[in-house]
Structures are given as C-alpha cells and as structure tokens.
C-alpha cells in the first residue's frame, strides 16, 4: 500500500533556523571573553592583594586582540560592579553553573543593564538575556532600597577628576634613535623631548598610540615619567652586570638594557609565573639580548655566590601599594579601594614595608655592588622615607651613602630624617603621579665606612640583630657570621 504524501514539511524544518551571527557580534562576543578573563585576573589578585599586573598592562598585552573594546568593558564593569552584584543577588537568577563564571556574568550583565546593545550570541548571553526582565526589576528594586533616583547616584565614583596627564613615550634606543622617533610621531601629534630623561618624549593628553606601528614593533614604549626615571637614576654603564630585583612587566628592565647599549648582563628576577611570561614578552619585543630571566625570588640569591661577584648595580622596584598611580593603573576601581577597606590597607602597608626593608637590606649586601636604586609608585611615608631611614645604619656600615638623583628636580623627600633632601619625590597633583626614588652609592673611604668583617664581633652581632630580626633563617645568620669573621669563601 502506497504511503500518503503529505504537503507538511519535515519536522526538522519546523524548527526555527539559526541566523548566522555577524562579524560585529562575533567580535563583541570575543571581547566579552577577553574582558572576563582579565576581570577574573584582577579581581583574584585584588582579593589576594597580590595583583599580577595593572589593568592597563593586562589589557594592552600582545595576546589581547580587541584592546579598545576590552579595555572599555573591563573599566565600565568595574565601575558598576557593586550595583551589578546587588542586582544579581536581588534577581536570584544564577544557577551553580554560572556562579562559577562570575567575571563573565558581570561583563554580560553590564552590557544588558547599561550597555548600548543587548548581546545576542553566546550561551551565557542567551541565559542572561532570557532573564533580562528579572535583572531590570532587580535594578529598580535596588534604586528604591537605596532611596536614589538613578544609577549614577548609586555609583561611588572615587576617580580623581581633572587628572589630565600628558602621554609619555620612551624611545627604545636599542632599535631607534630619539630624533627619528620624534620625526615619525610628529606626523600625528605635537612632540617634545622631556627635560629630565633624555630618551623620553612628551605628547598631548589622550594621544592614542596603542596600535601605532612603533609601539607594536617595540621601537617605542608607552611608559610614564616616574617609571622612566628609575633606570636613568641608576645610570648603569655599558658592560656592567646588573640585577633587576623585581622585573615584571619589564619596562624598566629593557630600559636598563638600552642605557647599557645592549652590552653587559642584566639578571631579571621575577617570582610569579604569569608575570615571567609578561616579562619575556617585553624583552622579546624590545630586542634586548643581554637580559637573563631568573624565575625565582630575589631574596633567594646568595650575595656571596661567585655568580654575582661582578654585579655592580641593583634596581629594586618592589611590590608597593601603587597609591601614586592609582588612576593610571585603575586600581581605584577595584573592591579593595572602597571606603570600607581603610583599616585593611593600613595592615597591608605595614606588610609591604616589612618586605621592602628586607629586600633593600638584601640588595645592599652584595659585595661588589656600587649603586642601588630603591623606588616605589607610592605616596606613603611608610613605604618610602621610613624604609630608607631604617636601613641607613646598615648601608653606612657597608660603605653606602645616599646620593642625589636628578639634582635639578625640585621635590625631595619628606624632612623626617637627616639626609632626606637626597631623596626624590613626584607629586600626584603637580606631576600627575606619585613616585619615589632613593639612590645609594658606595663610598671609597674604608676608615669612615668599615666593611662588616672589619668590625668587632660584638658590633656585627648587634647589627645582624638590629637589621634582620625574624627575617632570615638561622642558617643565614650562621653563614653570615662565619663570613664576617675569617671564614669567607
């Protein structure tokens, strides 16, 4: 018996066909994933108070394709993060699957609630768009609870208003001379040479060079003035061996290489694995060939190891609060910078200062080192003058004294101890960023500055106890004691 033919279409054709996504939609989808990855990194680092890198550094790394879109998404999501979290809690729309992908959820919720267009592709986007009414209802409820008229009143905008800062560009003299860089950049913007750092150029605020060929091929680096002054203050000479104690992301490291004309050797120390990758990318981009990356803790280096017998200079730019560059770094957008965390920040500053003192004392202990620069992007005395003051007796006993970097610079250290006039400070208002630099140079008068092994045993014991309390293992004390009294190897 023949089957009856039907005019009805097959069942499969009754299902709505998927509309192909446009290039713009795919690009937006990819930008949201990139933004979510960066947001995950910065939120995790902020929670642990051990950030891998600044937001800008992460966004403008070579691996991020849509830098402009990703940067905007991350910043805007962070600005609205408290509101987004409250809305999600009120709406109660997340299941366990999406709770495990909170950074991506935050990014998409920003687009749904505050963005220009509602996202239409991607599993997470579809899940949240189907719950758009619940999210909007949650936002309305939040406005009522807080007794405000609009979202702007909900936002705690802690940004520094009127922070208009020039665009600084450091010429990588390993690949290009300064005059050639000026000639090329003048095609787009007005360019001036900086009065303090010879290879630094000054351009108008807002000059966008992130996609410029000179940036992409490493001929110039987008680097702030304070950061550029650090390596210049150390003044390493061609052929020297130098240690960069806390290297990543590597801008100061490759600046050292340029100042040394690519000669000699730089040992770039970095403990964090992710930051090591970023450091290696920067080195590769710069074309520097005299940098050796040490994936480990600077404090683990033994000053008496013959491998470091020729090290003549150390650059120490340790972890700090970043309080002088919070607007550049965008750290003021992170949860830890809310008003409720002031007490925690005080505890954090104390912990940072303990580490900074330990690291500076360690840098000064390398026997052949002649110059040590200690720098922070902090405005706090506890991380700056107090750290330097605490190690001055040790520095003096090892033959060091404070020198004056950039003598024509007007702003100097806070007058909290004799010699603070040698220190250099940048002011967040006057200079558009806060920075601190201390330069230690070794003197040659042995009588005025006896070496540790020339001191009486009792004095050595007192100094070890004073400058290394609870900071070094006992085996280090024993080894150091033997070295100071005739057992040097």
Protein backbone atom coordinates (compact mmCIF):
# COMPACT_ATOMS: atom_id res chain seq x y z
CA UNK A 1 0.00 0.00 0.00
CA UNK A 2 1.48 3.26 -1.03
CA UNK A 3 2.09 5.86 1.64
CA UNK A 4 0.07 9.01 1.51
CA UNK A 5 2.12 12.01 0.51
CA UNK A 6 1.83 14.99 2.74
CA UNK A 7 2.40 18.62 1.96
CA UNK A 8 3.59 19.23 5.52
CA UNK A 9 7.31 19.98 5.75
CA UNK A 10 9.56 17.55 7.59
CA UNK A 11 9.70 18.05 11.35
CA UNK A 12 13.25 19.29 11.23
CA UNK A 13 12.28 22.21 9.05
CA UNK A 14 9.62 23.30 11.51
CA UNK A 15 12.34 24.35 13.97
CA UNK A 16 13.50 27.95 13.62
CA UNK A 17 16.79 28.05 11.82
CA UNK A 18 19.74 29.79 13.43
CA UNK A 19 20.57 33.13 11.97
CA UNK A 20 24.23 33.46 11.15
CA UNK A 21 25.96 35.85 13.52
CA UNK A 22 27.50 38.98 12.09
CA UNK A 23 31.17 39.86 12.30
CA UNK A 24 30.38 42.63 14.77
CA UNK A 25 28.52 40.21 17.05
CA UNK A 26 31.37 37.71 16.95
CA UNK A 27 33.84 40.48 17.70
CA UNK A 28 31.73 41.62 20.67
CA UNK A 29 31.46 38.03 21.91
CA UNK A 30 35.24 37.63 21.78
CA UNK A 31 35.78 40.99 23.52
CA UNK A 32 33.49 39.89 26.36
CA UNK A 33 35.51 36.67 26.81
CA UNK A 34 38.79 38.57 26.81
CA UNK A 35 37.36 41.11 29.26
CA UNK A 36 36.07 38.34 31.52
CA UNK A 37 39.50 36.71 31.60
CA UNK A 38 41.18 39.98 32.56
CA UNK A 39 38.46 40.77 35.11
CA UNK A 40 38.98 37.35 36.69
CA UNK A 41 42.72 38.03 36.98
CA UNK A 42 42.40 41.50 38.53
CA UNK A 43 39.62 40.51 40.95
CA UNK A 44 41.55 37.46 42.12
CA UNK A 45 44.73 39.50 42.51
CA UNK A 46 42.86 42.23 44.34
CA UNK A 47 41.27 39.73 46.73
CA UNK A 48 44.69 38.22 47.48
CA UNK A 49 46.37 41.68 47.48
CA UNK A 50 48.91 40.26 45.04
CA UNK A 51 47.98 41.58 41.61
CA UNK A 52 49.71 40.01 38.61
CA UNK A 53 49.75 43.31 36.74
CA UNK A 54 47.82 46.54 36.36
CA UNK A 55 44.55 46.53 34.42
CA UNK A 56 46.13 48.54 31.61
CA UNK A 57 49.11 46.21 31.42
CA UNK A 58 46.84 43.18 31.11
CA UNK A 59 44.53 44.75 28.54
CA UNK A 60 47.32 46.07 26.32
CA UNK A 61 49.37 42.88 26.32
CA UNK A 62 50.04 41.42 22.84
CA UNK A 63 47.64 38.50 23.40
CA UNK A 64 44.56 40.76 23.60
CA UNK A 65 43.17 41.48 20.14
CA UNK A 66 40.36 43.99 20.65
CA UNK A 67 42.19 46.25 23.08
CA UNK A 68 39.88 49.25 22.90
CA UNK A 69 36.66 47.26 23.34
CA UNK A 70 38.13 45.02 26.04
CA UNK A 71 39.54 47.95 27.99
CA UNK A 72 36.20 49.77 27.95
CA UNK A 73 34.31 46.66 29.06
CA UNK A 74 36.64 45.93 31.97
CA UNK A 75 36.64 49.53 33.22
CA UNK A 76 32.90 50.07 32.91
CA UNK A 77 32.11 46.73 34.52
CA UNK A 78 34.37 47.57 37.45
CA UNK A 79 32.73 50.97 37.86
CA UNK A 80 29.31 49.30 38.06
CA UNK A 81 30.45 46.14 39.86
CA UNK A 82 28.80 46.83 43.23
CA UNK A 83 25.49 47.62 41.51
CA UNK A 84 25.73 44.51 39.31
CA UNK A 85 26.40 42.29 42.32
CA UNK A 86 23.43 43.73 44.21
CA UNK A 87 21.13 43.30 41.20
CA UNK A 88 22.19 39.67 40.75
CA UNK A 89 21.53 38.98 44.41
CA UNK A 90 18.05 40.56 44.27
CA UNK A 91 17.12 38.88 40.97
CA UNK A 92 18.46 35.49 42.12
CA UNK A 93 18.76 34.22 38.55
CA UNK A 94 22.10 32.40 38.65
CA UNK A 95 22.41 28.65 38.92
CA UNK A 96 25.52 26.85 40.12
CA UNK A 97 26.96 26.64 36.60
CA UNK A 98 27.01 30.38 36.01
CA UNK A 99 28.00 31.23 39.58
CA UNK A 100 31.32 29.56 38.76
CA UNK A 101 31.80 32.02 35.88
CA UNK A 102 31.07 35.22 37.75
CA UNK A 103 33.51 37.51 35.86
CA UNK A 104 31.82 36.64 32.54
CA UNK A 105 28.40 37.10 34.15
CA UNK A 106 29.43 40.56 35.42
CA UNK A 107 30.60 41.59 31.93
CA UNK A 108 27.37 40.45 30.25
CA UNK A 109 25.19 41.99 32.96
CA UNK A 110 26.90 45.31 32.36
CA UNK A 111 26.04 45.07 28.67
CA UNK A 112 22.43 44.11 29.41
CA UNK A 113 21.79 46.73 32.08
CA UNK A 114 23.98 49.65 30.98
CA UNK A 115 25.44 48.88 27.55
CA UNK A 116 24.36 50.26 24.21
CA UNK A 117 23.18 46.93 22.76
CA UNK A 118 21.82 43.70 24.21
CA UNK A 119 24.15 40.77 23.41
CA UNK A 120 22.56 38.11 21.22
CA UNK A 121 25.06 35.28 20.81
CA UNK A 122 26.86 33.04 23.29
CA UNK A 123 25.40 30.57 25.80
CA UNK A 124 25.96 32.86 28.79
CA UNK A 125 24.49 35.82 26.92
CA UNK A 126 21.36 33.88 25.96
CA UNK A 127 20.91 32.63 29.53
CA UNK A 128 21.03 36.14 30.97
CA UNK A 129 19.05 37.84 28.19
CA UNK A 130 16.16 35.44 28.91
CA UNK A 131 16.27 36.82 32.46
CA UNK A 132 16.59 40.46 31.43
CA UNK A 133 13.22 41.40 32.95
CA UNK A 134 14.26 39.94 36.31
CA UNK A 135 17.55 41.87 36.17
CA UNK A 136 15.82 45.15 35.34
CA UNK A 137 13.30 44.54 38.12
CA UNK A 138 16.18 43.90 40.49
CA UNK A 139 17.78 47.20 39.46
CA UNK A 140 14.51 49.07 40.09
CA UNK A 141 14.23 47.43 43.50
CA UNK A 142 17.77 48.47 44.36
CA UNK A 143 17.06 52.10 43.47
CA UNK A 144 14.08 52.07 45.83
CA UNK A 145 16.08 50.41 48.61
CA UNK A 146 18.85 52.98 48.36
CA UNK A 147 16.37 55.84 48.02
CA UNK A 148 18.02 57.22 44.89
CA UNK A 149 16.60 58.36 41.56
CA UNK A 150 19.09 56.84 39.14
CA UNK A 151 22.11 54.58 38.71
CA UNK A 152 24.57 57.48 38.83
CA UNK A 153 23.62 58.14 42.43
CA UNK A 154 24.35 54.50 43.24
CA UNK A 155 27.87 54.63 41.93
CA UNK A 156 30.64 55.57 44.30
CA UNK A 157 32.86 57.31 41.78
CA UNK A 158 36.20 57.60 43.51
CA UNK A 159 38.10 58.64 40.40
CA UNK A 160 40.37 61.64 40.52
CA UNK A 161 38.59 64.29 38.50
CA UNK A 162 40.57 66.55 36.22
CA UNK A 163 43.52 64.16 36.12
CA UNK A 164 44.82 65.30 32.77
CA UNK A 165 48.22 63.81 32.18
CA UNK A 166 50.50 64.05 29.14
CA UNK A 167 51.23 60.93 27.17
CA UNK A 168 54.82 59.88 27.82
CA UNK A 169 56.69 57.74 25.30
CA UNK A 170 60.13 56.24 25.91
CA UNK A 171 62.20 55.63 22.81
CA UNK A 172 63.81 52.19 22.75
CA UNK A 173 67.30 53.20 21.64
CA UNK A 174 68.17 49.56 21.02
CA UNK A 175 66.03 49.84 17.89
CA UNK A 176 65.61 53.54 17.11
CA UNK A 177 67.20 56.89 17.83
CA UNK A 178 65.25 59.67 19.53
CA UNK A 179 65.26 62.13 16.60
CA UNK A 180 63.85 59.51 14.21
CA UNK A 181 61.08 58.71 16.69
CA UNK A 182 60.22 62.40 17.02
CA UNK A 183 60.04 62.80 13.25
CA UNK A 184 57.71 59.83 12.90
CA UNK A 185 55.41 60.72 15.80
CA UNK A 186 55.12 64.35 14.71
CA UNK A 187 53.04 63.13 11.78
CA UNK A 188 50.19 62.62 14.27
CA UNK A 189 50.82 64.73 17.37
CA UNK A 190 52.90 67.54 18.78
CA UNK A 191 56.05 66.03 20.34
CA UNK A 192 58.52 67.46 22.86
CA UNK A 193 61.63 65.98 24.41
CA UNK A 194 61.42 65.56 28.17
CA UNK A 195 63.73 67.79 30.19
CA UNK A 196 64.66 65.09 32.73
CA UNK A 197 65.02 61.76 30.91
CA UNK A 198 66.94 62.02 27.61
CA UNK A 199 65.07 59.26 25.72
CA UNK A 200 61.60 60.27 26.94
CA UNK A 201 59.10 62.13 24.75
CA UNK A 202 56.06 64.16 25.86
CA UNK A 203 52.85 64.22 23.84
CA UNK A 204 49.38 65.74 24.38
CA UNK A 205 46.99 64.06 26.86
CA UNK A 206 44.86 61.40 25.23
CA UNK A 207 47.29 60.67 22.41
CA UNK A 208 46.30 57.14 21.43
CA UNK A 209 49.34 55.17 20.30
CA UNK A 210 48.44 51.65 21.43
CA UNK A 211 48.06 50.43 17.86
CA UNK A 212 50.86 52.57 16.41
CA UNK A 213 53.46 50.57 14.43
CA UNK A 214 56.31 51.94 16.58
CA UNK A 215 54.60 50.54 19.68
CA UNK A 216 53.73 47.22 18.05
CA UNK A 217 57.32 46.61 16.92
CA UNK A 218 58.96 47.73 20.17
CA UNK A 219 60.66 50.86 18.90
CA UNK A 220 58.86 52.95 21.49
CA UNK A 221 57.27 52.04 24.85
CA UNK A 222 54.30 53.73 26.48
CA UNK A 223 55.95 54.34 29.84
CA UNK A 224 55.27 57.00 32.48
CA UNK A 225 57.81 59.60 33.50
CA UNK A 226 58.31 58.27 37.03
CA UNK A 227 58.91 54.76 35.77
CA UNK A 228 61.36 56.03 33.14
CA UNK A 229 63.34 57.97 35.76
CA UNK A 230 64.16 54.84 37.79
CA UNK A 231 66.59 53.14 35.40
CA UNK A 232 68.04 56.53 34.43
CA UNK A 233 68.75 57.24 38.13
CA UNK A 234 70.75 54.00 38.41
CA UNK A 235 72.97 55.05 35.48
CA UNK A 236 74.29 51.60 34.55
CA UNK A 237 77.28 51.64 32.24
CA UNK A 238 77.81 49.55 29.12
CA UNK A 239 79.43 46.24 30.05
CA UNK A 240 78.22 46.20 33.69
CA UNK A 241 76.41 43.32 35.33
CA UNK A 242 73.12 44.49 36.85
CA UNK A 243 70.29 42.88 38.80
CA UNK A 244 66.70 44.00 38.34
CA UNK A 245 65.26 42.57 41.54
CA UNK A 246 61.52 42.71 40.76
CA UNK A 247 61.36 42.91 36.99
CA UNK A 248 57.92 42.26 35.50
CA UNK A 249 56.33 43.57 33.40
CA UNK A 250 59.82 44.56 32.21
CA UNK A 251 59.68 48.19 31.05
CA UNK A 252 62.43 49.22 33.48
CA UNK A 253 64.42 46.09 32.63
CA UNK A 254 64.57 46.80 28.91
CA UNK A 255 65.29 50.47 29.68
CA UNK A 256 68.36 49.29 31.60
CA UNK A 257 69.42 47.30 28.55
CA UNK A 258 69.06 50.36 26.32
CA UNK A 259 71.09 52.51 28.72
CA UNK A 260 73.78 49.81 28.67
CA UNK A 261 73.70 49.82 24.84
CA UNK A 262 72.79 46.12 24.88
CA UNK A 263 76.16 45.24 26.45
CA UNK A 264 76.98 43.57 29.74
CA UNK A 265 74.41 41.44 31.55
CA UNK A 266 71.10 42.01 33.32
CA UNK A 267 69.68 39.40 35.68
CA UNK A 268 65.91 39.97 35.71
CA UNK A 269 64.27 38.37 38.75
CA UNK A 270 60.58 37.55 38.89
CA UNK A 271 58.82 35.11 41.21
CA UNK A 272 55.32 34.98 39.70
CA UNK A 273 54.97 32.61 36.75
CA UNK A 274 52.37 34.69 34.90
CA UNK A 275 54.46 37.83 35.31
CA UNK A 276 57.51 35.94 34.00
CA UNK A 277 55.61 35.35 30.75
CA UNK A 278 54.78 39.05 30.54
CA UNK A 279 58.44 39.91 31.24
CA UNK A 280 59.65 37.60 28.49
CA UNK A 281 57.19 39.17 26.03
CA UNK A 282 58.51 42.64 26.85
CA UNK A 283 62.13 41.54 26.43
CA UNK A 284 61.37 39.91 23.08
CA UNK A 285 59.54 43.00 21.87
CA UNK A 286 62.42 45.28 22.88
CA UNK A 287 65.07 43.26 21.03
CA UNK A 288 67.32 43.20 24.13
CA UNK A 289 69.81 40.32 24.06
CA UNK A 290 71.71 40.89 27.31
CA UNK A 291 68.88 40.01 29.74
CA UNK A 292 68.79 36.71 31.62
CA UNK A 293 65.43 35.92 33.27
CA UNK A 294 65.59 34.31 36.70
CA UNK A 295 62.24 32.74 37.61
CA UNK A 296 62.62 32.93 41.36
CA UNK A 297 62.77 35.12 44.43
CA UNK A 298 65.41 37.86 44.52
CA UNK A 299 65.76 37.20 48.25
CA UNK A 300 66.88 33.65 47.47
CA UNK A 301 70.01 34.90 45.70
CA UNK A 302 73.15 34.44 47.79
CA UNK A 303 75.23 37.65 47.68
CA UNK A 304 78.39 35.57 48.23
CA UNK A 305 77.71 33.30 45.25
CA UNK A 306 80.57 33.72 42.72
CA UNK A 307 77.90 34.11 40.02
CA UNK A 308 77.18 37.58 41.38
CA UNK A 309 80.76 38.64 42.05
CA UNK A 310 80.68 41.09 39.13
CA UNK A 311 77.27 42.65 39.83
CA UNK A 312 77.83 46.40 40.17
CA UNK A 313 74.30 47.80 40.32
CA UNK A 314 70.86 46.72 41.53
CA UNK A 315 67.47 48.19 40.65
CA UNK A 316 64.88 47.44 43.33
CA UNK A 317 61.32 48.42 42.48
CA UNK A 318 59.43 46.08 44.85
CA UNK A 319 55.74 45.43 45.30
CA UNK A 320 54.09 48.51 46.75
CA UNK A 321 50.65 49.98 47.34
CA UNK A 322 50.64 51.74 43.95
CA UNK A 323 49.00 54.71 45.68
CA UNK A 324 50.81 57.21 43.47
CA UNK A 325 49.49 55.78 40.21
CA UNK A 326 46.02 54.51 41.12
CA UNK A 327 44.40 56.49 38.33
CA UNK A 328 46.83 55.22 35.68
CA UNK A 329 46.61 51.67 36.98
CA UNK A 330 42.84 52.00 37.53
CA UNK A 331 43.29 50.36 40.95
CA UNK A 332 40.76 52.81 42.37
CA UNK A 333 38.09 50.79 40.55
CA UNK A 334 38.89 47.61 42.48
CA UNK A 335 36.90 46.44 45.51
CA UNK A 336 39.86 46.80 47.88
CA UNK A 337 39.88 50.57 47.33
CA UNK A 338 36.43 51.12 48.79
CA UNK A 339 35.97 53.20 51.94
CA UNK A 340 35.38 50.06 54.00
CA UNK A 341 38.92 48.82 53.45
CA UNK A 342 40.94 51.63 55.07
CA UNK A 343 41.87 49.52 58.09
CA UNK A 344 42.87 46.62 55.86
CA UNK A 345 45.02 48.96 53.76
CA UNK A 346 46.89 50.02 56.91
CA UNK A 347 47.69 46.39 57.65
CA UNK A 348 48.70 45.84 54.03
CA UNK A 349 51.02 48.87 54.06
CA UNK A 350 52.77 47.53 57.14
CA UNK A 351 53.29 44.12 55.49
CA UNK A 352 54.57 45.76 52.32
CA UNK A 353 57.03 47.89 54.30
CA UNK A 354 58.41 44.82 56.09
CA UNK A 355 59.12 43.18 52.74
CA UNK A 356 60.55 46.37 51.25
CA UNK A 357 63.01 46.81 54.13
CA UNK A 358 64.10 43.20 53.82
CA UNK A 359 64.59 43.47 50.06
CA UNK A 360 66.56 46.73 50.31
CA UNK A 361 68.85 45.34 53.01
CA UNK A 362 69.44 42.31 50.80
CA UNK A 363 70.29 44.47 47.77
CA UNK A 364 72.85 46.42 49.77
CA UNK A 365 74.56 43.21 50.91
CA UNK A 366 76.04 42.25 47.50
CA UNK A 367 79.79 42.84 47.99
CA UNK A 368 80.74 44.40 44.64
CA UNK A 369 77.61 46.49 44.12
CA UNK A 370 78.34 50.22 43.78
CA UNK A 371 74.88 51.62 43.07
CA UNK A 372 71.42 50.64 44.33
CA UNK A 373 68.16 52.37 43.37
CA UNK A 374 65.10 51.82 45.55
CA UNK A 375 61.85 53.06 44.01
CA UNK A 376 58.11 52.84 44.56
CA UNK A 377 55.00 54.29 42.93
CA UNK A 378 53.68 55.06 46.41
CA UNK A 379 52.94 58.31 48.19
CA UNK A 380 53.11 56.80 51.69
CA UNK A 381 55.97 57.65 54.05
CA UNK A 382 55.92 54.13 55.50
CA UNK A 383 56.92 52.71 52.10
CA UNK A 384 59.37 55.46 51.21
CA UNK A 385 61.28 57.57 53.76
CA UNK A 386 60.69 55.09 56.59
CA UNK A 387 62.13 52.19 54.58
CA UNK A 388 65.22 54.18 53.61
CA UNK A 389 65.74 55.53 57.12
CA UNK A 390 65.52 52.05 58.63
CA UNK A 391 68.41 50.70 56.53
CA UNK A 392 70.69 53.74 56.65
CA UNK A 393 72.88 52.45 59.51
CA UNK A 394 73.35 49.15 57.68
CA UNK A 395 74.02 50.95 54.41
CA UNK A 396 76.63 53.15 56.06
CA UNK A 397 78.37 50.16 57.61
CA UNK A 398 78.59 48.57 54.16
CA UNK A 399 80.08 51.72 52.61
CA UNK A 400 76.95 53.25 51.07
CA UNK A 401 75.58 56.76 51.30
CA UNK A 402 72.58 58.50 49.82
CA UNK A 403 73.25 60.31 46.55
CA UNK A 404 71.02 62.85 44.78
CA UNK A 405 69.36 61.58 41.60
CA UNK A 406 68.43 64.32 39.12
CA UNK A 407 69.83 67.26 41.17
CA UNK A 408 67.67 69.80 39.32
CA UNK A 409 64.44 68.09 40.39
CA UNK A 410 62.55 70.32 42.83
CA UNK A 411 60.56 67.90 45.02
CA UNK A 412 62.58 65.95 47.55
CA UNK A 413 61.90 63.56 50.41
CA UNK A 414 59.80 64.39 53.44
CA UNK A 415 62.06 66.02 56.09
CA UNK A 416 61.76 63.17 58.59
CA UNK A 417 65.47 62.34 58.92
CA UNK A 418 68.82 63.90 58.15
CA UNK A 419 69.66 63.25 54.51
CA UNK A 420 66.09 63.10 53.22
CA UNK A 421 66.92 66.00 50.91
CA UNK A 422 68.72 63.46 48.70
CA UNK A 423 65.51 61.52 48.06
CA UNK A 424 63.29 62.24 45.07
CA UNK A 425 59.51 62.50 45.12
CA UNK A 426 56.93 63.10 42.44
CA UNK A 427 53.66 64.72 43.46
CA UNK A 428 50.31 63.24 42.30
CA UNK A 429 48.89 66.74 41.69
CA UNK A 430 51.88 68.69 40.39
CA UNK A 431 53.47 65.83 38.44
CA UNK A 432 50.25 63.87 37.75
CA UNK A 433 51.63 60.79 39.50
CA UNK A 434 53.28 59.90 42.78
CA UNK A 435 56.72 58.31 42.66
CA UNK A 436 59.70 57.89 44.99
CA UNK A 437 63.38 57.22 44.23
CA UNK A 438 66.33 56.71 46.56
CA UNK A 439 69.86 56.24 45.22
CA UNK A 440 72.57 54.56 47.28
CA UNK A 441 76.18 54.82 46.08
CA UNK A 442 79.17 53.11 47.60
CA UNK A 443 81.85 55.39 49.05
CA UNK A 444 85.55 54.60 48.89
CA UNK A 445 86.74 55.73 52.34
CA UNK A 446 87.31 52.49 54.27
CA UNK A 447 88.07 54.24 57.54
CA UNK A 448 84.78 56.12 57.61
CA UNK A 449 82.80 53.16 56.31
CA UNK A 450 84.37 49.90 57.53
CA UNK A 451 83.26 46.68 55.88
CA UNK A 452 81.34 44.28 58.12
CA UNK A 453 84.22 41.84 58.50
CA UNK A 454 86.41 44.72 59.80
CA UNK A 455 84.04 45.38 62.72
CA UNK A 456 84.36 43.81 66.19
CA UNK A 457 82.41 40.59 66.62
CA UNK A 458 80.04 42.14 69.16
CA UNK A 459 79.18 45.01 66.79
CA UNK A 460 78.50 42.54 63.98
CA UNK A 461 76.16 40.59 66.23
CA UNK A 462 74.31 43.77 67.23
CA UNK A 463 73.86 44.89 63.63
CA UNK A 464 72.59 41.49 62.49
CA UNK A 465 70.05 41.53 65.29
CA UNK A 466 69.02 45.10 64.50
CA UNK A 467 68.59 44.80 60.74
CA UNK A 468 67.49 41.21 60.27
CA UNK A 469 65.06 40.47 63.14
CA UNK A 470 62.97 37.39 62.31
CA UNK A 471 63.57 37.95 58.62
CA UNK A 472 66.31 35.44 57.84
CA UNK A 473 66.64 31.76 58.76
CA UNK A 474 69.22 30.84 61.39
CA UNK A 475 71.39 29.13 58.81
CA UNK A 476 71.82 32.51 57.10
CA UNK A 477 72.93 34.08 60.41
CA UNK A 478 75.49 31.33 60.95
CA UNK A 479 76.80 31.60 57.38
CA UNK A 480 77.00 35.37 57.56
CA UNK A 481 78.69 35.30 60.95
CA UNK A 482 81.35 32.93 59.64
CA UNK A 483 81.89 35.12 56.59
CA UNK A 484 82.35 38.20 58.70
CA UNK A 485 84.99 36.63 60.91
CA UNK A 486 87.52 34.87 58.78
CA UNK A 487 85.50 32.11 57.12
CA UNK A 488 84.83 33.92 53.87
CA UNK A 489 84.98 31.82 50.78
